[in-house]
Amino acid sequence: MFKLLAMFQGFLALFVELGRTSARKIIPPVVLAACVTCAYALFQVNREGSFPAGLRAAFLDNNTDRAERHRIEVQALMQAELRQFAAANKLIDQLLQTMLDRAPGASRVRLAVIHNGVTGLTGTGLLRYDITNTATVAGRLPGQAAVNQPLSEWSDFLPVLLSGQCSFHRVADLHALALRARFETYGSTSVLVCPTADVQGKTVGAVFITWDGADQVPANADLRTAMAGELHLGAQVAAVLDLQGPPPEPPGIAAME
């Protein structure tokens, strides 16, 4: 009997020792796995913006569910960007019409926006511009569209624009032949160019106010008054252009792309 008890006690001590040894080997990996799981769940909660959605994305969603949710988020982003662009574009058209009303005798106002163009063989970026919006008086041609035109066409007035000032030119005196030809196709003989610059002084484009051959062009004090007014409105146009940028991405999109 005593021998059986001693044998049982020996087996019990052996099992206890094995349990302690196993626990020392198993507990660290289990704790590490638990920490990784919690970190992944917290990442998903932060990305999704809510606790239930984060847990669902971490443990319940499959690839199809995530792809479908991503598609819906992208569509929502595009719709928000479209509405934002439409509202900003309408406001720009209203500002251009105000510019036209304040420029005595002018036939049209056209907004040009500077953007990144191509890169040359030397690695130098070649900036370009697009005509994005136009306002005209009744009975006058708005002028042909100009897309992806080289900014080098602005050589006659770009330095003045960058200094934050307007400049007045006769179309026949412009050195850029392509630009001069576009003005002449719709009958413009004089042009007032004013910058669209934000409050930090960053020039994002220019406004072209043109007079045709039969128009009465303002001079002296009237021209200076028109320049001051167009500078103020140009700053408002630059502020609205910022609204046309895309809204912030919703949670999850950047991480899945």
Protein backbone atom coordinates (compact mmCIF):
# COMPACT_ATOMS: atom_id res chain seq x y z
CA MET A 1 0.00 0.00 0.00
CA PHE A 2 2.75 2.38 0.93
CA LYS A 3 4.54 1.47 -2.27
CA LEU A 4 1.44 2.34 -4.33
CA LEU A 5 1.08 5.66 -2.54
CA ALA A 6 4.72 6.44 -3.12
CA MET A 7 4.37 5.53 -6.82
CA PHE A 8 1.26 7.70 -7.14
CA GLN A 9 3.04 10.58 -5.41
CA GLY A 10 5.96 10.19 -7.82
CA PHE A 11 3.70 10.25 -10.87
CA LEU A 12 1.89 13.32 -9.47
CA ALA A 13 5.15 15.18 -8.95
CA LEU A 14 6.22 14.22 -12.47
CA PHE A 15 2.95 15.52 -13.99
CA VAL A 16 3.20 18.76 -11.99
CA GLU A 17 6.74 19.31 -13.21
CA LEU A 18 5.73 18.54 -16.82
CA GLY A 19 2.84 21.00 -16.47
CA ARG A 20 5.13 23.72 -15.24
CA THR A 21 7.59 23.09 -18.05
CA SER A 22 4.81 23.08 -20.67
CA ALA A 23 3.31 26.25 -19.28
CA ARG A 24 6.66 28.03 -19.51
CA LYS A 25 6.88 26.97 -23.17
CA ILE A 26 3.25 27.62 -24.17
CA ILE A 27 2.34 30.83 -22.32
CA PRO A 28 4.74 33.23 -24.17
CA PRO A 29 3.52 32.24 -27.68
CA VAL A 30 -0.10 32.44 -26.50
CA VAL A 31 0.45 35.89 -25.04
CA LEU A 32 2.23 37.03 -28.22
CA ALA A 33 -0.61 35.72 -30.40
CA ALA A 34 -3.16 37.48 -28.19
CA CYS A 35 -1.25 40.78 -28.45
CA VAL A 36 -1.01 40.50 -32.24
CA THR A 37 -4.71 39.71 -32.50
CA CYS A 38 -5.65 42.68 -30.30
CA ALA A 39 -3.37 45.01 -32.29
CA TYR A 40 -4.91 43.85 -35.58
CA ALA A 41 -8.41 44.33 -34.19
CA LEU A 42 -7.56 47.83 -32.93
CA PHE A 43 -6.08 48.70 -36.34
CA GLN A 44 -9.29 47.62 -38.06
CA VAL A 45 -11.41 49.55 -35.54
CA ASN A 46 -9.35 52.69 -36.18
CA ARG A 47 -9.53 52.23 -39.96
CA GLU A 48 -13.26 51.60 -40.05
CA GLY A 49 -14.08 54.37 -37.59
CA SER A 50 -16.28 52.30 -35.27
CA PHE A 51 -15.82 49.35 -32.89
CA PRO A 52 -18.45 47.00 -34.41
CA ALA A 53 -17.34 47.69 -37.99
CA GLY A 54 -13.70 47.16 -37.02
CA LEU A 55 -14.39 43.78 -35.37
CA ARG A 56 -16.45 42.71 -38.37
CA ALA A 57 -13.64 43.66 -40.75
CA ALA A 58 -11.05 41.91 -38.57
CA PHE A 59 -12.79 38.58 -37.92
CA LEU A 60 -15.91 38.18 -40.06
CA ASP A 61 -15.37 39.77 -43.48
CA ASN A 62 -13.90 37.78 -46.34
CA ASN A 63 -12.15 39.16 -49.42
CA THR A 64 -15.42 39.54 -51.30
CA ASP A 65 -16.99 41.56 -48.47
CA ARG A 66 -13.97 43.83 -48.24
CA ALA A 67 -13.87 44.36 -52.01
CA GLU A 68 -17.58 45.24 -52.07
CA ARG A 69 -17.23 47.67 -49.16
CA HIS A 70 -14.23 49.26 -50.87
CA ARG A 71 -16.23 49.65 -54.10
CA ILE A 72 -19.08 51.36 -52.24
CA GLU A 73 -16.65 53.72 -50.46
CA VAL A 74 -14.99 54.65 -53.77
CA GLN A 75 -18.36 55.38 -55.36
CA ALA A 76 -19.34 57.55 -52.39
CA LEU A 77 -16.04 59.42 -52.65
CA MET A 78 -16.55 60.06 -56.37
CA GLN A 79 -20.09 61.33 -55.81
CA ALA A 80 -18.90 63.69 -53.06
CA GLU A 81 -16.11 64.96 -55.31
CA LEU A 82 -18.55 65.44 -58.19
CA ARG A 83 -20.97 67.49 -56.07
CA GLN A 84 -18.09 69.54 -54.67
CA PHE A 85 -16.74 70.21 -58.16
CA ALA A 86 -20.17 71.21 -59.52
CA ALA A 87 -20.74 73.69 -56.67
CA ALA A 88 -17.27 75.23 -57.09
CA ASN A 89 -17.62 75.40 -60.88
CA LYS A 90 -20.95 77.23 -60.60
CA LEU A 91 -19.42 79.76 -58.23
CA ILE A 92 -16.48 80.33 -60.60
CA ASP A 93 -18.89 81.00 -63.47
CA GLN A 94 -20.69 83.57 -61.31
CA LEU A 95 -17.39 85.29 -60.44
CA LEU A 96 -16.36 85.42 -64.11
CA GLN A 97 -19.71 86.98 -64.99
CA THR A 98 -19.12 89.61 -62.29
CA MET A 99 -15.69 90.29 -63.79
CA LEU A 100 -17.26 90.74 -67.20
CA ASP A 101 -19.87 93.14 -65.81
CA ARG A 102 -17.15 95.23 -64.13
CA ALA A 103 -14.92 95.44 -67.22
CA PRO A 104 -16.37 98.27 -69.36
CA GLY A 105 -17.03 97.16 -72.94
CA ALA A 106 -15.36 93.74 -72.63
CA SER A 107 -16.64 90.85 -74.74
CA ARG A 108 -15.51 87.82 -72.74
CA VAL A 109 -13.64 86.57 -69.68
CA ARG A 110 -11.75 83.28 -69.76
CA LEU A 111 -10.16 81.45 -66.83
CA ALA A 112 -6.91 79.55 -67.37
CA VAL A 113 -5.67 77.10 -64.72
CA ILE A 114 -2.01 76.07 -64.51
CA HIS A 115 -1.23 72.38 -64.04
CA ASN A 116 1.65 69.93 -64.27
CA GLY A 117 2.56 69.10 -67.83
CA VAL A 118 5.07 66.65 -69.23
CA THR A 119 8.68 66.18 -68.15
CA GLY A 120 11.44 66.82 -70.65
CA LEU A 121 14.50 64.67 -71.27
CA THR A 122 16.47 66.78 -68.82
CA GLY A 123 13.96 66.06 -66.06
CA THR A 124 12.66 69.62 -66.05
CA GLY A 125 8.88 69.88 -65.63
CA LEU A 126 7.10 71.71 -68.45
CA LEU A 127 4.08 73.49 -66.96
CA ARG A 128 0.91 73.84 -69.00
CA TYR A 129 -2.53 75.42 -68.70
CA ASP A 130 -6.17 74.75 -69.58
CA ILE A 131 -9.02 77.15 -70.27
CA THR A 132 -11.67 75.86 -67.87
CA ASN A 133 -14.42 78.52 -67.69
CA THR A 134 -15.69 81.32 -69.92
CA ALA A 135 -18.22 84.14 -69.61
CA THR A 136 -19.31 86.16 -72.68
CA VAL A 137 -21.68 88.97 -73.52
CA ALA A 138 -24.63 88.17 -75.75
CA GLY A 139 -23.80 87.76 -79.41
CA ARG A 140 -20.05 87.20 -78.95
CA LEU A 141 -18.13 83.97 -79.46
CA PRO A 142 -16.75 82.39 -76.26
CA GLY A 143 -13.56 81.31 -78.06
CA GLN A 144 -12.16 77.90 -78.78
CA ALA A 145 -11.14 75.60 -75.97
CA ALA A 146 -7.46 75.47 -75.07
CA VAL A 147 -6.26 72.31 -73.31
CA ASN A 148 -2.75 71.36 -72.23
CA GLN A 149 -1.15 74.44 -73.76
CA PRO A 150 2.49 75.25 -72.88
CA LEU A 151 2.93 77.95 -70.28
CA SER A 152 5.70 79.41 -72.44
CA GLU A 153 2.90 81.13 -74.40
CA TRP A 154 2.58 83.53 -71.45
CA SER A 155 6.07 84.96 -71.89
CA ASP A 156 4.70 88.49 -72.47
CA PHE A 157 2.93 88.71 -69.12
CA LEU A 158 3.96 85.80 -66.85
CA PRO A 159 6.54 87.83 -64.84
CA VAL A 160 3.90 90.49 -64.14
CA LEU A 161 1.39 87.81 -63.11
CA LEU A 162 3.87 86.29 -60.68
CA SER A 163 4.35 89.70 -59.09
CA GLY A 164 0.61 89.79 -58.39
CA GLN A 165 -0.29 92.48 -60.94
CA CYS A 166 -2.43 92.78 -64.06
CA SER A 167 -1.11 93.73 -67.49
CA PHE A 168 -2.83 95.14 -70.57
CA HIS A 169 -1.77 94.17 -74.10
CA ARG A 170 -2.72 94.64 -77.71
CA VAL A 171 -3.25 91.22 -79.24
CA ALA A 172 -1.21 92.18 -82.31
CA ASP A 173 1.83 92.83 -80.05
CA LEU A 174 1.89 89.39 -78.40
CA HIS A 175 5.00 87.37 -79.23
CA ALA A 176 3.45 83.89 -78.80
CA LEU A 177 2.03 83.22 -82.26
CA ALA A 178 -0.27 80.38 -81.20
CA LEU A 179 -1.81 82.45 -78.39
CA ARG A 180 -2.19 85.47 -80.63
CA ALA A 181 -3.86 83.35 -83.31
CA ARG A 182 -6.40 81.99 -80.82
CA PHE A 183 -7.34 85.51 -79.73
CA GLU A 184 -7.68 86.63 -83.33
CA THR A 185 -9.96 83.73 -84.30
CA TYR A 186 -12.77 85.19 -82.21
CA GLY A 187 -12.02 88.82 -82.98
CA SER A 188 -10.17 89.99 -79.86
CA THR A 189 -7.87 92.96 -80.31
CA SER A 190 -7.02 93.82 -76.67
CA VAL A 191 -6.55 91.69 -73.55
CA LEU A 192 -6.24 92.38 -69.84
CA VAL A 193 -4.49 89.54 -68.00
CA CYS A 194 -4.87 89.27 -64.21
CA PRO A 195 -3.55 86.58 -61.86
CA THR A 196 -5.69 84.22 -59.82
CA ALA A 197 -3.62 84.01 -56.64
CA ASP A 198 -4.56 82.76 -53.18
CA VAL A 199 -3.99 84.57 -49.89
CA GLN A 200 -0.44 83.18 -49.68
CA GLY A 201 0.33 84.76 -53.05
CA LYS A 202 0.50 81.42 -54.87
CA THR A 203 -0.48 81.90 -58.52
CA VAL A 204 -2.73 79.08 -59.71
CA GLY A 205 -3.88 80.56 -63.02
CA ALA A 206 -4.91 83.71 -64.84
CA VAL A 207 -8.01 85.52 -66.07
CA PHE A 208 -8.09 86.85 -69.65
CA ILE A 209 -10.50 89.75 -70.24
CA THR A 210 -10.73 90.55 -73.94
CA TRP A 211 -12.14 93.35 -76.06
CA ASP A 212 -13.06 92.86 -79.71
CA GLY A 213 -12.38 95.33 -82.50
CA ALA A 214 -15.69 97.16 -82.13
CA ASP A 215 -15.49 97.39 -78.32
CA GLN A 216 -14.65 100.57 -76.41
CA VAL A 217 -11.48 99.75 -74.45
CA PRO A 218 -11.12 101.51 -71.06
CA ALA A 219 -8.11 103.75 -70.60
CA ASN A 220 -6.20 105.52 -67.83
CA ALA A 221 -8.26 105.75 -64.62
CA ASP A 222 -10.99 103.41 -65.92
CA LEU A 223 -8.40 100.77 -66.78
CA ARG A 224 -6.69 101.08 -63.39
CA THR A 225 -10.04 100.72 -61.66
CA ALA A 226 -10.82 97.63 -63.74
CA MET A 227 -7.43 96.13 -62.86
CA ALA A 228 -7.98 96.62 -59.12
CA GLY A 229 -11.44 95.07 -59.28
CA GLU A 230 -10.28 92.09 -61.34
CA LEU A 231 -7.39 91.44 -58.94
CA HIS A 232 -9.83 91.20 -56.04
CA LEU A 233 -12.16 88.88 -57.94
CA GLY A 234 -9.19 86.82 -59.15
CA ALA A 235 -8.25 86.12 -55.53
CA GLN A 236 -11.80 84.88 -54.93
CA VAL A 237 -11.55 82.59 -57.97
CA ALA A 238 -8.29 81.14 -56.59
CA ALA A 239 -10.00 80.43 -53.27
CA VAL A 240 -12.84 78.62 -55.03
CA LEU A 241 -10.40 76.56 -57.09
CA ASP A 242 -9.22 75.01 -53.83
CA LEU A 243 -12.76 73.68 -53.33
CA GLN A 244 -12.50 71.68 -56.53
CA GLY A 245 -9.84 69.43 -55.03
CA PRO A 246 -10.92 65.95 -53.88
CA PRO A 247 -12.29 65.65 -50.32
CA PRO A 248 -10.40 63.59 -47.74
CA GLU A 249 -10.47 59.86 -48.40
CA PRO A 250 -12.89 57.87 -46.23
CA PRO A 251 -11.38 55.38 -43.78
CA GLY A 252 -10.12 52.21 -45.41
CA ILE A 253 -9.56 53.35 -48.97
CA ALA A 254 -5.91 54.32 -48.70
CA ALA A 255 -5.10 51.13 -46.85
CA MET A 256 -6.73 48.85 -49.44
CA GLU A 257 -5.27 50.49 -52.57
